[in-house]
Amino acid sequence: MEITEFAPDIKDKLALVDFSAPWCGPCRQMAPVISRLTEKYKNRAAIVEINIDSQPAVATHYMVQSIPTLILFDHGREVTRFVGVQSTETLEKNLDDVLTKKI
């Protein structure tokens, strides 16, 4: 199962995929960060949210063992992943680095 199977619109772009669940406190803590990133990068990167309860096969395929897990993909290829609560600055730096091809 490739990333493009559950999010076909991201195969040709940068994407940050947020694996989370509604009952997860740290995931809810990340919600405002994800919202800000979605707005800031709307024309440059896809921000995709995956509910591990409704899409467990996707989470299993990407070996998500703890949530929140955020995986950064560039044209369908995993670049890096983050586990746990992350700052806006950390995620922006990594998105910007891929956009400017520093990673």
N, C-alpha and C. Protein backbone atom coordinates (compact mmCIF):
# COMPACT_ATOMS: atom_id res chain seq x y z
N MET A 1 0.85 -1.18 0.00
CA MET A 1 0.00 0.00 0.00
C MET A 1 0.89 1.24 0.00
N GLU A 2 0.81 1.97 -1.05
CA GLU A 2 1.59 3.20 -1.16
C GLU A 2 0.78 4.38 -0.64
N ILE A 3 1.47 5.42 -0.29
CA ILE A 3 0.82 6.63 0.21
C ILE A 3 -0.21 7.15 -0.78
N THR A 4 0.06 6.97 -2.06
CA THR A 4 -0.84 7.49 -3.09
C THR A 4 -2.14 6.71 -3.17
N GLU A 5 -2.22 5.52 -2.57
CA GLU A 5 -3.46 4.75 -2.58
C GLU A 5 -4.52 5.38 -1.69
N PHE A 6 -4.12 5.96 -0.57
CA PHE A 6 -5.12 6.58 0.31
C PHE A 6 -5.16 8.09 0.16
N ALA A 7 -4.19 8.65 -0.53
CA ALA A 7 -4.16 10.10 -0.79
C ALA A 7 -3.58 10.32 -2.19
N PRO A 8 -4.33 9.96 -3.24
CA PRO A 8 -3.79 10.00 -4.60
C PRO A 8 -3.34 11.38 -5.08
N ASP A 9 -3.87 12.42 -4.50
CA ASP A 9 -3.52 13.77 -4.94
C ASP A 9 -2.13 14.21 -4.47
N ILE A 10 -1.43 13.41 -3.69
CA ILE A 10 -0.13 13.85 -3.18
C ILE A 10 1.05 13.20 -3.87
N LYS A 11 0.81 12.37 -4.86
CA LYS A 11 1.93 11.63 -5.46
C LYS A 11 2.96 12.53 -6.14
N ASP A 12 2.57 13.70 -6.55
CA ASP A 12 3.47 14.61 -7.24
C ASP A 12 3.83 15.85 -6.42
N LYS A 13 3.72 15.74 -5.11
CA LYS A 13 4.01 16.92 -4.29
C LYS A 13 4.53 16.52 -2.92
N LEU A 14 4.81 17.50 -2.13
CA LEU A 14 5.23 17.33 -0.75
C LEU A 14 3.98 17.13 0.10
N ALA A 15 4.05 16.20 1.04
CA ALA A 15 2.90 15.96 1.92
C ALA A 15 3.37 15.64 3.33
N LEU A 16 2.64 16.18 4.28
CA LEU A 16 2.84 15.84 5.68
C LEU A 16 1.60 15.07 6.11
N VAL A 17 1.78 13.81 6.49
CA VAL A 17 0.66 12.95 6.86
C VAL A 17 0.66 12.79 8.38
N ASP A 18 -0.47 13.15 8.98
CA ASP A 18 -0.65 13.13 10.42
C ASP A 18 -1.48 11.90 10.78
N PHE A 19 -0.85 10.90 11.40
CA PHE A 19 -1.55 9.72 11.88
C PHE A 19 -1.97 10.00 13.32
N SER A 20 -3.28 9.98 13.56
CA SER A 20 -3.78 10.35 14.88
C SER A 20 -5.12 9.67 15.12
N ALA A 21 -5.74 9.99 16.25
CA ALA A 21 -7.06 9.49 16.60
C ALA A 21 -7.76 10.53 17.47
N PRO A 22 -9.09 10.60 17.37
CA PRO A 22 -9.83 11.61 18.13
C PRO A 22 -9.69 11.49 19.64
N TRP A 23 -9.48 10.29 20.15
CA TRP A 23 -9.39 10.06 21.60
C TRP A 23 -7.99 10.36 22.17
N CYS A 24 -7.04 10.67 21.31
CA CYS A 24 -5.64 10.86 21.71
C CYS A 24 -5.40 12.31 22.14
N GLY A 25 -5.05 12.49 23.42
CA GLY A 25 -4.79 13.83 23.95
C GLY A 25 -3.66 14.56 23.22
N PRO A 26 -2.49 13.94 23.04
CA PRO A 26 -1.42 14.62 22.31
C PRO A 26 -1.81 14.95 20.86
N CYS A 27 -2.65 14.11 20.26
CA CYS A 27 -3.12 14.38 18.90
C CYS A 27 -3.99 15.64 18.88
N ARG A 28 -4.85 15.76 19.88
CA ARG A 28 -5.69 16.96 19.98
C ARG A 28 -4.82 18.19 20.21
N GLN A 29 -3.72 18.01 20.95
CA GLN A 29 -2.78 19.11 21.20
C GLN A 29 -2.13 19.56 19.88
N MET A 30 -1.94 18.63 18.96
CA MET A 30 -1.33 18.94 17.66
C MET A 30 -2.31 19.59 16.68
N ALA A 31 -3.59 19.49 16.94
CA ALA A 31 -4.61 19.98 15.99
C ALA A 31 -4.41 21.43 15.56
N PRO A 32 -4.13 22.38 16.47
CA PRO A 32 -3.92 23.76 16.03
C PRO A 32 -2.67 23.91 15.16
N VAL A 33 -1.65 23.13 15.44
CA VAL A 33 -0.42 23.16 14.64
C VAL A 33 -0.72 22.67 13.23
N ILE A 34 -1.44 21.57 13.13
CA ILE A 34 -1.80 21.01 11.82
C ILE A 34 -2.66 22.01 11.05
N SER A 35 -3.57 22.64 11.75
CA SER A 35 -4.43 23.65 11.11
C SER A 35 -3.61 24.81 10.55
N ARG A 36 -2.65 25.31 11.33
CA ARG A 36 -1.79 26.41 10.87
C ARG A 36 -0.95 25.98 9.66
N LEU A 37 -0.41 24.77 9.72
CA LEU A 37 0.40 24.28 8.59
C LEU A 37 -0.45 24.12 7.33
N THR A 38 -1.66 23.63 7.50
CA THR A 38 -2.57 23.47 6.35
C THR A 38 -2.79 24.81 5.66
N GLU A 39 -3.00 25.84 6.44
CA GLU A 39 -3.21 27.18 5.88
C GLU A 39 -1.93 27.74 5.26
N LYS A 40 -0.84 27.64 5.97
CA LYS A 40 0.42 28.23 5.51
C LYS A 40 0.95 27.57 4.23
N TYR A 41 0.79 26.26 4.12
CA TYR A 41 1.38 25.52 3.00
C TYR A 41 0.34 25.08 1.96
N LYS A 42 -0.84 25.69 1.97
CA LYS A 42 -1.94 25.20 1.14
C LYS A 42 -1.62 25.12 -0.35
N ASN A 43 -0.78 25.94 -0.87
CA ASN A 43 -0.45 25.88 -2.29
C ASN A 43 0.89 25.21 -2.57
N ARG A 44 1.56 24.77 -1.50
CA ARG A 44 2.90 24.20 -1.68
C ARG A 44 3.03 22.77 -1.17
N ALA A 45 2.18 22.36 -0.26
CA ALA A 45 2.26 21.01 0.31
C ALA A 45 0.87 20.55 0.75
N ALA A 46 0.67 19.26 0.71
CA ALA A 46 -0.58 18.70 1.20
C ALA A 46 -0.38 18.30 2.67
N ILE A 47 -1.36 18.64 3.48
CA ILE A 47 -1.37 18.21 4.87
C ILE A 47 -2.55 17.24 4.97
N VAL A 48 -2.25 15.97 5.28
CA VAL A 48 -3.26 14.92 5.26
C VAL A 48 -3.39 14.33 6.66
N GLU A 49 -4.62 14.20 7.11
CA GLU A 49 -4.86 13.61 8.42
C GLU A 49 -5.44 12.21 8.23
N ILE A 50 -4.83 11.23 8.91
CA ILE A 50 -5.28 9.85 8.85
C ILE A 50 -5.71 9.42 10.25
N ASN A 51 -6.97 9.05 10.38
CA ASN A 51 -7.49 8.54 11.64
C ASN A 51 -7.15 7.05 11.69
N ILE A 52 -6.30 6.66 12.63
CA ILE A 52 -5.85 5.28 12.67
C ILE A 52 -6.97 4.31 13.04
N ASP A 53 -8.03 4.81 13.66
CA ASP A 53 -9.16 3.94 13.99
C ASP A 53 -9.96 3.57 12.74
N SER A 54 -10.11 4.52 11.83
CA SER A 54 -10.89 4.23 10.61
C SER A 54 -10.03 3.71 9.47
N GLN A 55 -8.71 3.87 9.57
CA GLN A 55 -7.81 3.38 8.53
C GLN A 55 -6.62 2.63 9.15
N PRO A 56 -6.92 1.56 9.90
CA PRO A 56 -5.83 0.85 10.59
C PRO A 56 -4.83 0.18 9.65
N ALA A 57 -5.25 -0.22 8.46
CA ALA A 57 -4.32 -0.87 7.52
C ALA A 57 -3.24 0.10 7.07
N VAL A 58 -3.59 1.36 6.90
CA VAL A 58 -2.60 2.36 6.48
C VAL A 58 -1.59 2.57 7.61
N ALA A 59 -2.09 2.68 8.83
CA ALA A 59 -1.20 2.86 9.98
C ALA A 59 -0.27 1.65 10.15
N THR A 60 -0.81 0.47 9.97
CA THR A 60 0.00 -0.75 10.08
C THR A 60 1.05 -0.79 8.99
N HIS A 61 0.66 -0.46 7.77
CA HIS A 61 1.60 -0.48 6.65
C HIS A 61 2.80 0.44 6.90
N TYR A 62 2.53 1.60 7.47
CA TYR A 62 3.61 2.56 7.74
C TYR A 62 4.22 2.39 9.13
N MET A 63 3.90 1.27 9.77
CA MET A 63 4.48 0.90 11.06
C MET A 63 4.32 2.01 12.11
N VAL A 64 3.14 2.59 12.14
CA VAL A 64 2.83 3.61 13.13
C VAL A 64 2.51 2.88 14.43
N GLN A 65 3.35 3.05 15.43
CA GLN A 65 3.19 2.35 16.70
C GLN A 65 2.77 3.27 17.83
N SER A 66 2.88 4.55 17.61
CA SER A 66 2.55 5.54 18.62
C SER A 66 1.96 6.74 17.91
N ILE A 67 0.99 7.38 18.54
CA ILE A 67 0.41 8.57 17.92
C ILE A 67 0.54 9.75 18.88
N PRO A 68 0.64 10.94 18.34
CA PRO A 68 0.68 11.25 16.91
C PRO A 68 2.01 10.86 16.26
N THR A 69 1.91 10.38 15.04
CA THR A 69 3.08 10.18 14.18
C THR A 69 2.83 11.01 12.93
N LEU A 70 3.82 11.80 12.56
CA LEU A 70 3.72 12.60 11.34
C LEU A 70 4.82 12.15 10.40
N ILE A 71 4.44 11.84 9.17
CA ILE A 71 5.42 11.39 8.18
C ILE A 71 5.44 12.39 7.04
N LEU A 72 6.63 12.83 6.69
CA LEU A 72 6.83 13.77 5.60
C LEU A 72 7.20 12.98 4.35
N PHE A 73 6.39 13.12 3.31
CA PHE A 73 6.62 12.46 2.03
C PHE A 73 6.94 13.49 0.96
N ASP A 74 7.87 13.15 0.09
CA ASP A 74 8.18 13.99 -1.07
C ASP A 74 7.95 13.13 -2.30
N HIS A 75 6.92 13.47 -3.08
CA HIS A 75 6.54 12.70 -4.26
C HIS A 75 6.34 11.22 -3.94
N GLY A 76 5.67 10.94 -2.83
CA GLY A 76 5.35 9.58 -2.44
C GLY A 76 6.44 8.84 -1.70
N ARG A 77 7.60 9.44 -1.53
CA ARG A 77 8.72 8.80 -0.84
C ARG A 77 8.86 9.39 0.56
N GLU A 78 8.95 8.52 1.56
CA GLU A 78 9.10 9.00 2.93
C GLU A 78 10.46 9.67 3.09
N VAL A 79 10.42 10.90 3.62
CA VAL A 79 11.63 11.67 3.86
C VAL A 79 12.04 11.56 5.33
N THR A 80 11.09 11.78 6.21
CA THR A 80 11.36 11.71 7.65
C THR A 80 10.05 11.52 8.39
N ARG A 81 10.16 11.15 9.65
CA ARG A 81 8.96 11.01 10.48
C ARG A 81 9.21 11.57 11.87
N PHE A 82 8.11 11.97 12.48
CA PHE A 82 8.15 12.56 13.83
C PHE A 82 7.15 11.80 14.68
N VAL A 83 7.53 11.45 15.88
CA VAL A 83 6.63 10.76 16.80
C VAL A 83 6.44 11.63 18.03
N GLY A 84 5.19 11.84 18.39
CA GLY A 84 4.88 12.67 19.55
C GLY A 84 4.59 14.10 19.15
N VAL A 85 4.32 14.90 20.13
CA VAL A 85 3.99 16.31 19.90
C VAL A 85 5.21 17.03 19.34
N GLN A 86 4.98 17.80 18.28
CA GLN A 86 6.06 18.55 17.61
C GLN A 86 5.70 20.03 17.59
N SER A 87 6.70 20.86 17.58
CA SER A 87 6.45 22.30 17.50
C SER A 87 6.16 22.69 16.05
N THR A 88 5.47 23.79 15.91
CA THR A 88 5.21 24.34 14.58
C THR A 88 6.53 24.61 13.88
N GLU A 89 7.49 25.14 14.62
CA GLU A 89 8.79 25.50 14.04
C GLU A 89 9.52 24.28 13.48
N THR A 90 9.50 23.17 14.21
CA THR A 90 10.17 21.95 13.76
C THR A 90 9.55 21.47 12.45
N LEU A 91 8.24 21.43 12.39
CA LEU A 91 7.57 20.94 11.19
C LEU A 91 7.77 21.90 10.02
N GLU A 92 7.69 23.20 10.29
CA GLU A 92 7.92 24.19 9.22
C GLU A 92 9.33 24.08 8.67
N LYS A 93 10.32 23.93 9.54
CA LYS A 93 11.70 23.82 9.08
C LYS A 93 11.85 22.62 8.14
N ASN A 94 11.29 21.50 8.51
CA ASN A 94 11.41 20.31 7.68
C ASN A 94 10.64 20.45 6.38
N LEU A 95 9.46 21.02 6.41
CA LEU A 95 8.72 21.28 5.17
C LEU A 95 9.50 22.23 4.27
N ASP A 96 10.02 23.30 4.85
CA ASP A 96 10.79 24.28 4.07
C ASP A 96 12.06 23.66 3.49
N ASP A 97 12.73 22.80 4.29
CA ASP A 97 13.95 22.15 3.79
C ASP A 97 13.65 21.29 2.57
N VAL A 98 12.55 20.56 2.60
CA VAL A 98 12.20 19.72 1.43
C VAL A 98 11.81 20.61 0.25
N LEU A 99 11.05 21.66 0.54
CA LEU A 99 10.64 22.56 -0.54
C LEU A 99 11.83 23.22 -1.23
N THR A 100 12.88 23.46 -0.47
CA THR A 100 14.08 24.08 -1.05
C THR A 100 15.16 23.04 -1.33
N LYS A 101 14.79 21.76 -1.21
CA LYS A 101 15.65 20.61 -1.53
C LYS A 101 16.91 20.55 -0.67
N LYS A 102 16.78 20.89 0.61
CA LYS A 102 17.91 20.76 1.52
C LYS A 102 17.94 19.36 2.15
N ILE A 103 16.85 18.61 1.99
CA ILE A 103 16.81 17.24 2.51
C ILE A 103 16.87 16.30 1.32
